Amino acid sequence: TPSLLQRISELRSQQAVWLFSSSECVQHLVRCNTTWS
């Protein structure tokens, strides 16, 4: 959703650290916007 994408963008700008306990969560995050590095 736009709100989810906005929240991810905010966390990216804050240089937050991402905690992953599932490979699928990694894949889902990356697929939200494939242009993000």
PDB file of all heavy atoms in Angstrom:
ATOM      1  N   THR A   1       0.832  -1.196   0.000  1.00  0.00           N
ATOM      2  CA  THR A   1       0.000   0.000   0.000  1.00  0.00           C
ATOM      3  C   THR A   1       0.876   1.259   0.000  1.00  0.00           C
ATOM      4  O   THR A   1       2.059   1.203   0.379  1.00  0.00           O
ATOM      5  CB  THR A   1      -0.899   0.025   1.239  1.00  0.00           C
ATOM      6  OG1 THR A   1      -0.052   0.021   2.406  1.00  0.00           O
ATOM      7  CG2 THR A   1      -1.805  -1.200   1.278  1.00  0.00           C
ATOM      8  N   PRO A   2       0.319   2.418  -0.400  1.00  0.00           N
ATOM      9  CA  PRO A   2       1.107   3.656  -0.331  1.00  0.00           C
ATOM     10  C   PRO A   2       1.647   3.935   1.066  1.00  0.00           C
ATOM     11  O   PRO A   2       2.768   4.421   1.216  1.00  0.00           O
ATOM     12  CB  PRO A   2       0.092   4.725  -0.766  1.00  0.00           C
ATOM     13  CG  PRO A   2      -0.851   3.990  -1.673  1.00  0.00           C
ATOM     14  CD  PRO A   2      -0.984   2.622  -1.062  1.00  0.00           C
ATOM     15  N   SER A   3       0.845   3.630   2.101  1.00  0.00           N
ATOM     16  CA  SER A   3       1.315   3.894   3.469  1.00  0.00           C
ATOM     17  C   SER A   3       2.484   2.987   3.839  1.00  0.00           C
ATOM     18  O   SER A   3       3.435   3.433   4.515  1.00  0.00           O
ATOM     19  CB  SER A   3       0.169   3.706   4.469  1.00  0.00           C
ATOM     20  OG  SER A   3      -0.331   2.385   4.414  1.00  0.00           O
ATOM     21  N   LEU A   4       2.455   1.714   3.398  1.00  0.00           N
ATOM     22  CA  LEU A   4       3.577   0.811   3.677  1.00  0.00           C
ATOM     23  C   LEU A   4       4.827   1.287   2.946  1.00  0.00           C
ATOM     24  O   LEU A   4       5.919   1.334   3.536  1.00  0.00           O
ATOM     25  CB  LEU A   4       3.231  -0.613   3.249  1.00  0.00           C
ATOM     26  CG  LEU A   4       4.361  -1.650   3.394  1.00  0.00           C
ATOM     27  CD1 LEU A   4       4.790  -1.782   4.851  1.00  0.00           C
ATOM     28  CD2 LEU A   4       3.947  -3.001   2.835  1.00  0.00           C
ATOM     29  N   LEU A   5       4.701   1.653   1.693  1.00  0.00           N
ATOM     30  CA  LEU A   5       5.851   2.120   0.920  1.00  0.00           C
ATOM     31  C   LEU A   5       6.431   3.401   1.516  1.00  0.00           C
ATOM     32  O   LEU A   5       7.654   3.569   1.562  1.00  0.00           O
ATOM     33  CB  LEU A   5       5.451   2.346  -0.540  1.00  0.00           C
ATOM     34  CG  LEU A   5       5.037   1.089  -1.316  1.00  0.00           C
ATOM     35  CD1 LEU A   5       4.535   1.464  -2.706  1.00  0.00           C
ATOM     36  CD2 LEU A   5       6.194   0.113  -1.419  1.00  0.00           C
ATOM     37  N   GLN A   6       5.557   4.289   1.998  1.00  0.00           N
ATOM     38  CA  GLN A   6       6.031   5.523   2.619  1.00  0.00           C
ATOM     39  C   GLN A   6       6.802   5.221   3.903  1.00  0.00           C
ATOM     40  O   GLN A   6       7.841   5.823   4.170  1.00  0.00           O
ATOM     41  CB  GLN A   6       4.857   6.454   2.925  1.00  0.00           C
ATOM     42  CG  GLN A   6       5.282   7.775   3.577  1.00  0.00           C
ATOM     43  CD  GLN A   6       4.095   8.676   3.878  1.00  0.00           C
ATOM     44  OE1 GLN A   6       2.970   8.399   3.472  1.00  0.00           O
ATOM     45  NE2 GLN A   6       4.339   9.758   4.604  1.00  0.00           N
ATOM     46  N   ARG A   7       6.286   4.259   4.693  1.00  0.00           N
ATOM     47  CA  ARG A   7       6.958   3.905   5.940  1.00  0.00           C
ATOM     48  C   ARG A   7       8.328   3.293   5.668  1.00  0.00           C
ATOM     49  O   ARG A   7       9.310   3.617   6.359  1.00  0.00           O
ATOM     50  CB  ARG A   7       6.082   2.919   6.728  1.00  0.00           C
ATOM     51  CG  ARG A   7       6.671   2.488   8.060  1.00  0.00           C
ATOM     52  CD  ARG A   7       6.921   3.659   8.976  1.00  0.00           C
ATOM     53  NE  ARG A   7       7.417   3.243  10.275  1.00  0.00           N
ATOM     54  CZ  ARG A   7       8.271   3.947  11.014  1.00  0.00           C
ATOM     55  NH1 ARG A   7       8.738   5.114  10.570  1.00  0.00           N
ATOM     56  NH2 ARG A   7       8.667   3.502  12.186  1.00  0.00           N
ATOM     57  N   ILE A   8       8.418   2.415   4.664  1.00  0.00           N
ATOM     58  CA  ILE A   8       9.714   1.827   4.307  1.00  0.00           C
ATOM     59  C   ILE A   8      10.680   2.923   3.875  1.00  0.00           C
ATOM     60  O   ILE A   8      11.854   2.928   4.260  1.00  0.00           O
ATOM     61  CB  ILE A   8       9.547   0.786   3.184  1.00  0.00           C
ATOM     62  CG1 ILE A   8       8.707  -0.399   3.677  1.00  0.00           C
ATOM     63  CG2 ILE A   8      10.909   0.293   2.705  1.00  0.00           C
ATOM     64  CD1 ILE A   8       8.354  -1.386   2.585  1.00  0.00           C
ATOM     65  N   SER A   9      10.184   3.864   3.076  1.00  0.00           N
ATOM     66  CA  SER A   9      11.028   4.963   2.598  1.00  0.00           C
ATOM     67  C   SER A   9      11.556   5.796   3.763  1.00  0.00           C
ATOM     68  O   SER A   9      12.733   6.198   3.786  1.00  0.00           O
ATOM     69  CB  SER A   9      10.229   5.842   1.630  1.00  0.00           C
ATOM     70  OG  SER A   9      11.035   6.864   1.106  1.00  0.00           O
ATOM     71  N   GLU A  10      10.696   6.052   4.756  1.00  0.00           N
ATOM     72  CA  GLU A  10      11.121   6.825   5.931  1.00  0.00           C
ATOM     73  C   GLU A  10      12.220   6.096   6.692  1.00  0.00           C
ATOM     74  O   GLU A  10      13.218   6.703   7.104  1.00  0.00           O
ATOM     75  CB  GLU A  10       9.918   7.055   6.851  1.00  0.00           C
ATOM     76  CG  GLU A  10       8.881   8.007   6.285  1.00  0.00           C
ATOM     77  CD  GLU A  10       7.619   8.035   7.135  1.00  0.00           C
ATOM     78  OE1 GLU A  10       7.509   7.198   8.063  1.00  0.00           O
ATOM     79  OE2 GLU A  10       6.740   8.869   6.855  1.00  0.00           O
ATOM     80  N   LEU A  11      12.052   4.796   6.869  1.00  0.00           N
ATOM     81  CA  LEU A  11      13.050   4.007   7.599  1.00  0.00           C
ATOM     82  C   LEU A  11      14.361   3.939   6.823  1.00  0.00           C
ATOM     83  O   LEU A  11      15.447   3.943   7.420  1.00  0.00           O
ATOM     84  CB  LEU A  11      12.499   2.611   7.880  1.00  0.00           C
ATOM     85  CG  LEU A  11      11.350   2.564   8.894  1.00  0.00           C
ATOM     86  CD1 LEU A  11      10.633   1.223   8.851  1.00  0.00           C
ATOM     87  CD2 LEU A  11      11.869   2.845  10.305  1.00  0.00           C
ATOM     88  N   ARG A  12      14.270   3.864   5.506  1.00  0.00           N
ATOM     89  CA  ARG A  12      15.487   3.881   4.681  1.00  0.00           C
ATOM     90  C   ARG A  12      16.242   5.191   4.869  1.00  0.00           C
ATOM     91  O   ARG A  12      17.470   5.201   4.978  1.00  0.00           O
ATOM     92  CB  ARG A  12      15.121   3.685   3.207  1.00  0.00           C
ATOM     93  CG  ARG A  12      14.803   2.250   2.819  1.00  0.00           C
ATOM     94  CD  ARG A  12      14.199   2.175   1.416  1.00  0.00           C
ATOM     95  NE  ARG A  12      14.988   2.894   0.425  1.00  0.00           N
ATOM     96  CZ  ARG A  12      16.035   2.383  -0.213  1.00  0.00           C
ATOM     97  NH1 ARG A  12      16.434   1.146   0.048  1.00  0.00           N
ATOM     98  NH2 ARG A  12      16.685   3.102  -1.109  1.00  0.00           N
ATOM     99  N   SER A  13      15.512   6.300   4.917  1.00  0.00           N
ATOM    100  CA  SER A  13      16.163   7.607   5.057  1.00  0.00           C
ATOM    101  C   SER A  13      16.796   7.781   6.433  1.00  0.00           C
ATOM    102  O   SER A  13      17.748   8.544   6.600  1.00  0.00           O
ATOM    103  CB  SER A  13      15.148   8.729   4.804  1.00  0.00           C
ATOM    104  OG  SER A  13      14.165   8.759   5.824  1.00  0.00           O
ATOM    105  N   GLN A  14      16.267   7.048   7.423  1.00  0.00           N
ATOM    106  CA  GLN A  14      16.822   7.111   8.780  1.00  0.00           C
ATOM    107  C   GLN A  14      17.979   6.132   8.976  1.00  0.00           C
ATOM    108  O   GLN A  14      18.543   6.066  10.066  1.00  0.00           O
ATOM    109  CB  GLN A  14      15.720   6.776   9.798  1.00  0.00           C
ATOM    110  CG  GLN A  14      14.560   7.743   9.808  1.00  0.00           C
ATOM    111  CD  GLN A  14      13.380   7.224  10.621  1.00  0.00           C
ATOM    112  OE1 GLN A  14      13.512   6.283  11.411  1.00  0.00           O
ATOM    113  NE2 GLN A  14      12.217   7.830  10.426  1.00  0.00           N
ATOM    114  N   GLN A  15      18.296   5.354   7.943  1.00  0.00           N
ATOM    115  CA  GLN A  15      19.336   4.334   8.044  1.00  0.00           C
ATOM    116  C   GLN A  15      19.044   3.355   9.181  1.00  0.00           C
ATOM    117  O   GLN A  15      19.927   2.989   9.971  1.00  0.00           O
ATOM    118  CB  GLN A  15      20.711   4.974   8.224  1.00  0.00           C
ATOM    119  CG  GLN A  15      21.224   5.689   6.980  1.00  0.00           C
ATOM    120  CD  GLN A  15      21.431   4.733   5.805  1.00  0.00           C
ATOM    121  OE1 GLN A  15      22.124   3.744   5.920  1.00  0.00           O
ATOM    122  NE2 GLN A  15      20.822   5.040   4.663  1.00  0.00           N
ATOM    123  N   ALA A  16      17.772   2.951   9.279  1.00  0.00           N
ATOM    124  CA  ALA A  16      17.384   1.969  10.283  1.00  0.00           C
ATOM    125  C   ALA A  16      18.041   0.626   9.973  1.00  0.00           C
ATOM    126  O   ALA A  16      18.416   0.337   8.833  1.00  0.00           O
ATOM    127  CB  ALA A  16      15.867   1.820  10.307  1.00  0.00           C
ATOM    128  N   VAL A  17      18.162  -0.207  11.002  1.00  0.00           N
ATOM    129  CA  VAL A  17      18.697  -1.563  10.842  1.00  0.00           C
ATOM    130  C   VAL A  17      17.520  -2.533  10.771  1.00  0.00           C
ATOM    131  O   VAL A  17      16.587  -2.460  11.572  1.00  0.00           O
ATOM    132  CB  VAL A  17      19.618  -1.932  12.028  1.00  0.00           C
ATOM    133  CG1 VAL A  17      20.059  -3.392  11.932  1.00  0.00           C
ATOM    134  CG2 VAL A  17      20.828  -1.004  12.051  1.00  0.00           C
ATOM    135  N   TRP A  18      17.571  -3.439   9.801  1.00  0.00           N
ATOM    136  CA  TRP A  18      16.465  -4.355   9.549  1.00  0.00           C
ATOM    137  C   TRP A  18      16.768  -5.724  10.156  1.00  0.00           C
ATOM    138  O   TRP A  18      17.831  -6.293   9.909  1.00  0.00           O
ATOM    139  CB  TRP A  18      16.238  -4.483   8.045  1.00  0.00           C
ATOM    140  CG  TRP A  18      15.857  -3.164   7.413  1.00  0.00           C
ATOM    141  CD1 TRP A  18      16.706  -2.148   7.082  1.00  0.00           C
ATOM    142  CD2 TRP A  18      14.548  -2.722   7.097  1.00  0.00           C
ATOM    143  NE1 TRP A  18      16.000  -1.095   6.571  1.00  0.00           N
ATOM    144  CE2 TRP A  18      14.663  -1.413   6.562  1.00  0.00           C
ATOM    145  CE3 TRP A  18      13.277  -3.295   7.199  1.00  0.00           C
ATOM    146  CZ2 TRP A  18      13.564  -0.682   6.135  1.00  0.00           C
ATOM    147  CZ3 TRP A  18      12.181  -2.564   6.780  1.00  0.00           C
ATOM    148  CH2 TRP A  18      12.322  -1.270   6.252  1.00  0.00           C
ATOM    149  N   LEU A  19      15.826  -6.244  10.942  1.00  0.00           N
ATOM    150  CA  LEU A  19      15.976  -7.552  11.572  1.00  0.00           C
ATOM    151  C   LEU A  19      15.127  -8.577  10.817  1.00  0.00           C
ATOM    152  O   LEU A  19      13.909  -8.444  10.728  1.00  0.00           O
ATOM    153  CB  LEU A  19      15.530  -7.500  13.034  1.00  0.00           C
ATOM    154  CG  LEU A  19      15.485  -8.831  13.786  1.00  0.00           C
ATOM    155  CD1 LEU A  19      16.875  -9.451  13.883  1.00  0.00           C
ATOM    156  CD2 LEU A  19      14.877  -8.640  15.175  1.00  0.00           C
ATOM    157  N   PHE A  20      15.799  -9.613  10.291  1.00  0.00           N
ATOM    158  CA  PHE A  20      15.108 -10.645   9.515  1.00  0.00           C
ATOM    159  C   PHE A  20      15.241 -12.004  10.204  1.00  0.00           C
ATOM    160  O   PHE A  20      16.341 -12.442  10.529  1.00  0.00           O
ATOM    161  CB  PHE A  20      15.697 -10.752   8.108  1.00  0.00           C
ATOM    162  CG  PHE A  20      15.467  -9.534   7.254  1.00  0.00           C
ATOM    163  CD1 PHE A  20      16.526  -8.683   6.942  1.00  0.00           C
ATOM    164  CD2 PHE A  20      14.205  -9.235   6.771  1.00  0.00           C
ATOM    165  CE1 PHE A  20      16.325  -7.554   6.154  1.00  0.00           C
ATOM    166  CE2 PHE A  20      13.993  -8.112   5.978  1.00  0.00           C
ATOM    167  CZ  PHE A  20      15.054  -7.266   5.672  1.00  0.00           C
ATOM    168  N   SER A  21      14.101 -12.664  10.390  1.00  0.00           N
ATOM    169  CA  SER A  21      14.100 -14.037  10.900  1.00  0.00           C
ATOM    170  C   SER A  21      13.417 -14.971   9.908  1.00  0.00           C
ATOM    171  O   SER A  21      13.088 -16.102  10.236  1.00  0.00           O
ATOM    172  CB  SER A  21      13.389 -14.097  12.257  1.00  0.00           C
ATOM    173  OG  SER A  21      12.084 -13.553  12.155  1.00  0.00           O
ATOM    174  N   SER A  22      13.229 -14.487   8.681  1.00  0.00           N
ATOM    175  CA  SER A  22      12.618 -15.281   7.619  1.00  0.00           C
ATOM    176  C   SER A  22      13.133 -14.796   6.273  1.00  0.00           C
ATOM    177  O   SER A  22      13.157 -13.586   6.008  1.00  0.00           O
ATOM    178  CB  SER A  22      11.095 -15.156   7.659  1.00  0.00           C
ATOM    179  OG  SER A  22      10.519 -15.601   6.444  1.00  0.00           O
ATOM    180  N   SER A  23      13.531 -15.736   5.424  1.00  0.00           N
ATOM    181  CA  SER A  23      13.981 -15.376   4.078  1.00  0.00           C
ATOM    182  C   SER A  23      12.845 -14.762   3.277  1.00  0.00           C
ATOM    183  O   SER A  23      13.064 -13.875   2.439  1.00  0.00           O
ATOM    184  CB  SER A  23      14.518 -16.611   3.352  1.00  0.00           C
ATOM    185  OG  SER A  23      15.677 -17.108   3.983  1.00  0.00           O
ATOM    186  N   GLU A  24      11.622 -15.217   3.527  1.00  0.00           N
ATOM    187  CA  GLU A  24      10.481 -14.682   2.786  1.00  0.00           C
ATOM    188  C   GLU A  24      10.247 -13.211   3.103  1.00  0.00           C
ATOM    189  O   GLU A  24       9.859 -12.441   2.224  1.00  0.00           O
ATOM    190  CB  GLU A  24       9.231 -15.505   3.098  1.00  0.00           C
ATOM    191  CG  GLU A  24       9.243 -16.871   2.451  1.00  0.00           C
ATOM    192  CD  GLU A  24       8.098 -17.737   2.939  1.00  0.00           C
ATOM    193  OE1 GLU A  24       8.179 -18.237   4.068  1.00  0.00           O
ATOM    194  OE2 GLU A  24       7.131 -17.910   2.184  1.00  0.00           O
ATOM    195  N   CYS A  25      10.485 -12.797   4.342  1.00  0.00           N
ATOM    196  CA  CYS A  25      10.329 -11.387   4.697  1.00  0.00           C
ATOM    197  C   CYS A  25      11.332 -10.525   3.928  1.00  0.00           C
ATOM    198  O   CYS A  25      11.019  -9.396   3.530  1.00  0.00           O
ATOM    199  CB  CYS A  25      10.493 -11.196   6.198  1.00  0.00           C
ATOM    200  SG  CYS A  25       9.113 -11.840   7.169  1.00  0.00           S
ATOM    201  N   VAL A  26      12.520 -11.053   3.720  1.00  0.00           N
ATOM    202  CA  VAL A  26      13.522 -10.348   2.915  1.00  0.00           C
ATOM    203  C   VAL A  26      12.989 -10.149   1.495  1.00  0.00           C
ATOM    204  O   VAL A  26      13.017  -9.039   0.939  1.00  0.00           O
ATOM    205  CB  VAL A  26      14.845 -11.135   2.864  1.00  0.00           C
ATOM    206  CG1 VAL A  26      15.886 -10.362   2.052  1.00  0.00           C
ATOM    207  CG2 VAL A  26      15.363 -11.434   4.257  1.00  0.00           C
ATOM    208  N   GLN A  27      12.500 -11.218   0.911  1.00  0.00           N
ATOM    209  CA  GLN A  27      12.000 -11.169  -0.460  1.00  0.00           C
ATOM    210  C   GLN A  27      10.826 -10.208  -0.585  1.00  0.00           C
ATOM    211  O   GLN A  27      10.739  -9.427  -1.547  1.00  0.00           O
ATOM    212  CB  GLN A  27      11.597 -12.575  -0.906  1.00  0.00           C
ATOM    213  CG  GLN A  27      12.752 -13.562  -0.959  1.00  0.00           C
ATOM    214  CD  GLN A  27      12.285 -15.004  -1.023  1.00  0.00           C
ATOM    215  OE1 GLN A  27      11.104 -15.286  -1.138  1.00  0.00           O
ATOM    216  NE2 GLN A  27      13.232 -15.931  -0.923  1.00  0.00           N
ATOM    217  N   HIS A  28       9.924 -10.247   0.392  1.00  0.00           N
ATOM    218  CA  HIS A  28       8.756  -9.372   0.339  1.00  0.00           C
ATOM    219  C   HIS A  28       9.154  -7.901   0.422  1.00  0.00           C
ATOM    220  O   HIS A  28       8.579  -7.052  -0.276  1.00  0.00           O
ATOM    221  CB  HIS A  28       7.793  -9.710   1.477  1.00  0.00           C
ATOM    222  CG  HIS A  28       7.190 -11.075   1.361  1.00  0.00           C
ATOM    223  ND1 HIS A  28       6.552 -11.694   2.415  1.00  0.00           N
ATOM    224  CD2 HIS A  28       7.127 -11.943   0.324  1.00  0.00           C
ATOM    225  CE1 HIS A  28       6.123 -12.875   2.020  1.00  0.00           C
ATOM    226  NE2 HIS A  28       6.470 -13.063   0.767  1.00  0.00           N
ATOM    227  N   LEU A  29      10.131  -7.586   1.265  1.00  0.00           N
ATOM    228  CA  LEU A  29      10.595  -6.199   1.393  1.00  0.00           C
ATOM    229  C   LEU A  29      11.186  -5.717   0.076  1.00  0.00           C
ATOM    230  O   LEU A  29      10.840  -4.624  -0.413  1.00  0.00           O
ATOM    231  CB  LEU A  29      11.630  -6.086   2.511  1.00  0.00           C
ATOM    232  CG  LEU A  29      12.291  -4.711   2.664  1.00  0.00           C
ATOM    233  CD1 LEU A  29      11.262  -3.664   3.080  1.00  0.00           C
ATOM    234  CD2 LEU A  29      13.434  -4.770   3.677  1.00  0.00           C
ATOM    235  N   VAL A  30      12.065  -6.496  -0.500  1.00  0.00           N
ATOM    236  CA  VAL A  30      12.747  -6.087  -1.729  1.00  0.00           C
ATOM    237  C   VAL A  30      11.764  -5.911  -2.882  1.00  0.00           C
ATOM    238  O   VAL A  30      11.892  -5.000  -3.705  1.00  0.00           O
ATOM    239  CB  VAL A  30      13.847  -7.106  -2.090  1.00  0.00           C
ATOM    240  CG1 VAL A  30      14.436  -6.799  -3.456  1.00  0.00           C
ATOM    241  CG2 VAL A  30      14.940  -7.092  -1.026  1.00  0.00           C
ATOM    242  N   ARG A  31      10.741  -6.755  -2.924  1.00  0.00           N
ATOM    243  CA  ARG A  31       9.770  -6.689  -4.020  1.00  0.00           C
ATOM    244  C   ARG A  31       8.817  -5.508  -3.911  1.00  0.00           C
ATOM    245  O   ARG A  31       8.116  -5.190  -4.874  1.00  0.00           O
ATOM    246  CB  ARG A  31       8.981  -7.995  -4.082  1.00  0.00           C
ATOM    247  CG  ARG A  31       9.810  -9.180  -4.565  1.00  0.00           C
ATOM    248  CD  ARG A  31       9.059 -10.484  -4.392  1.00  0.00           C
ATOM    249  NE  ARG A  31       9.893 -11.631  -4.744  1.00  0.00           N
ATOM    250  CZ  ARG A  31       9.607 -12.900  -4.423  1.00  0.00           C
ATOM    251  NH1 ARG A  31       8.479 -13.163  -3.752  1.00  0.00           N
ATOM    252  NH2 ARG A  31      10.416 -13.870  -4.760  1.00  0.00           N
ATOM    253  N   CYS A  32       8.781  -4.859  -2.734  1.00  0.00           N
ATOM    254  CA  CYS A  32       7.908  -3.684  -2.588  1.00  0.00           C
ATOM    255  C   CYS A  32       8.295  -2.582  -3.564  1.00  0.00           C
ATOM    256  O   CYS A  32       7.440  -1.845  -4.061  1.00  0.00           O
ATOM    257  CB  CYS A  32       7.983  -3.157  -1.154  1.00  0.00           C
ATOM    258  SG  CYS A  32       7.012  -4.117   0.030  1.00  0.00           S
ATOM    259  N   ASN A  33       9.567  -2.463  -3.819  1.00  0.00           N
ATOM    260  CA  ASN A  33      10.053  -1.478  -4.798  1.00  0.00           C
ATOM    261  C   ASN A  33      11.386  -1.978  -5.325  1.00  0.00           C
ATOM    262  O   ASN A  33      12.418  -1.849  -4.658  1.00  0.00           O
ATOM    263  CB  ASN A  33      10.207  -0.093  -4.163  1.00  0.00           C
ATOM    264  CG  ASN A  33      10.522   0.983  -5.196  1.00  0.00           C
ATOM    265  OD1 ASN A  33      11.193   0.725  -6.191  1.00  0.00           O
ATOM    266  ND2 ASN A  33      10.037   2.194  -4.955  1.00  0.00           N
ATOM    267  N   THR A  34      11.382  -2.537  -6.500  1.00  0.00           N
ATOM    268  CA  THR A  34      12.584  -3.164  -7.048  1.00  0.00           C
ATOM    269  C   THR A  34      13.623  -2.154  -7.511  1.00  0.00           C
ATOM    270  O   THR A  34      14.732  -2.547  -7.866  1.00  0.00           O
ATOM    271  CB  THR A  34      12.217  -4.087  -8.210  1.00  0.00           C
ATOM    272  OG1 THR A  34      11.505  -3.336  -9.206  1.00  0.00           O
ATOM    273  CG2 THR A  34      11.336  -5.241  -7.738  1.00  0.00           C
ATOM    274  N   THR A  35      13.287  -0.851  -7.492  1.00  0.00           N
ATOM    275  CA  THR A  35      14.275   0.163  -7.897  1.00  0.00           C
ATOM    276  C   THR A  35      15.147   0.604  -6.727  1.00  0.00           C
ATOM    277  O   THR A  35      16.173   1.254  -6.932  1.00  0.00           O
ATOM    278  CB  THR A  35      13.580   1.402  -8.492  1.00  0.00           C
ATOM    279  OG1 THR A  35      12.826   2.069  -7.466  1.00  0.00           O
ATOM    280  CG2 THR A  35      12.663   1.007  -9.640  1.00  0.00           C
ATOM    281  N   TRP A  36      14.745   0.259  -5.504  1.00  0.00           N
ATOM    282  CA  TRP A  36      15.540   0.654  -4.341  1.00  0.00           C
ATOM    283  C   TRP A  36      16.824  -0.163  -4.262  1.00  0.00           C
ATOM    284  O   TRP A  36      16.828  -1.368  -4.473  1.00  0.00           O
ATOM    285  CB  TRP A  36      14.755   0.429  -3.052  1.00  0.00           C
ATOM    286  CG  TRP A  36      13.753   1.500  -2.737  1.00  0.00           C
ATOM    287  CD1 TRP A  36      13.802   2.800  -3.112  1.00  0.00           C
ATOM    288  CD2 TRP A  36      12.550   1.342  -1.970  1.00  0.00           C
ATOM    289  NE1 TRP A  36      12.710   3.482  -2.632  1.00  0.00           N
ATOM    290  CE2 TRP A  36      11.925   2.611  -1.920  1.00  0.00           C
ATOM    291  CE3 TRP A  36      11.952   0.262  -1.315  1.00  0.00           C
ATOM    292  CZ2 TRP A  36      10.722   2.834  -1.248  1.00  0.00           C
ATOM    293  CZ3 TRP A  36      10.761   0.478  -0.637  1.00  0.00           C
ATOM    294  CH2 TRP A  36      10.156   1.736  -0.607  1.00  0.00           C
ATOM    295  N   SER A  37      17.908   0.516  -3.929  1.00  0.00           N
ATOM    296  CA  SER A  37      19.172  -0.165  -3.645  1.00  0.00           C
ATOM    297  C   SER A  37      19.324  -0.291  -2.130  1.00  0.00           C
ATOM    298  O   SER A  37      19.040   0.649  -1.388  1.00  0.00           O
ATOM    299  CB  SER A  37      20.354   0.625  -4.212  1.00  0.00           C
ATOM    300  OG  SER A  37      21.578   0.100  -3.725  1.00  0.00           O
TER     301      SER A  37
END
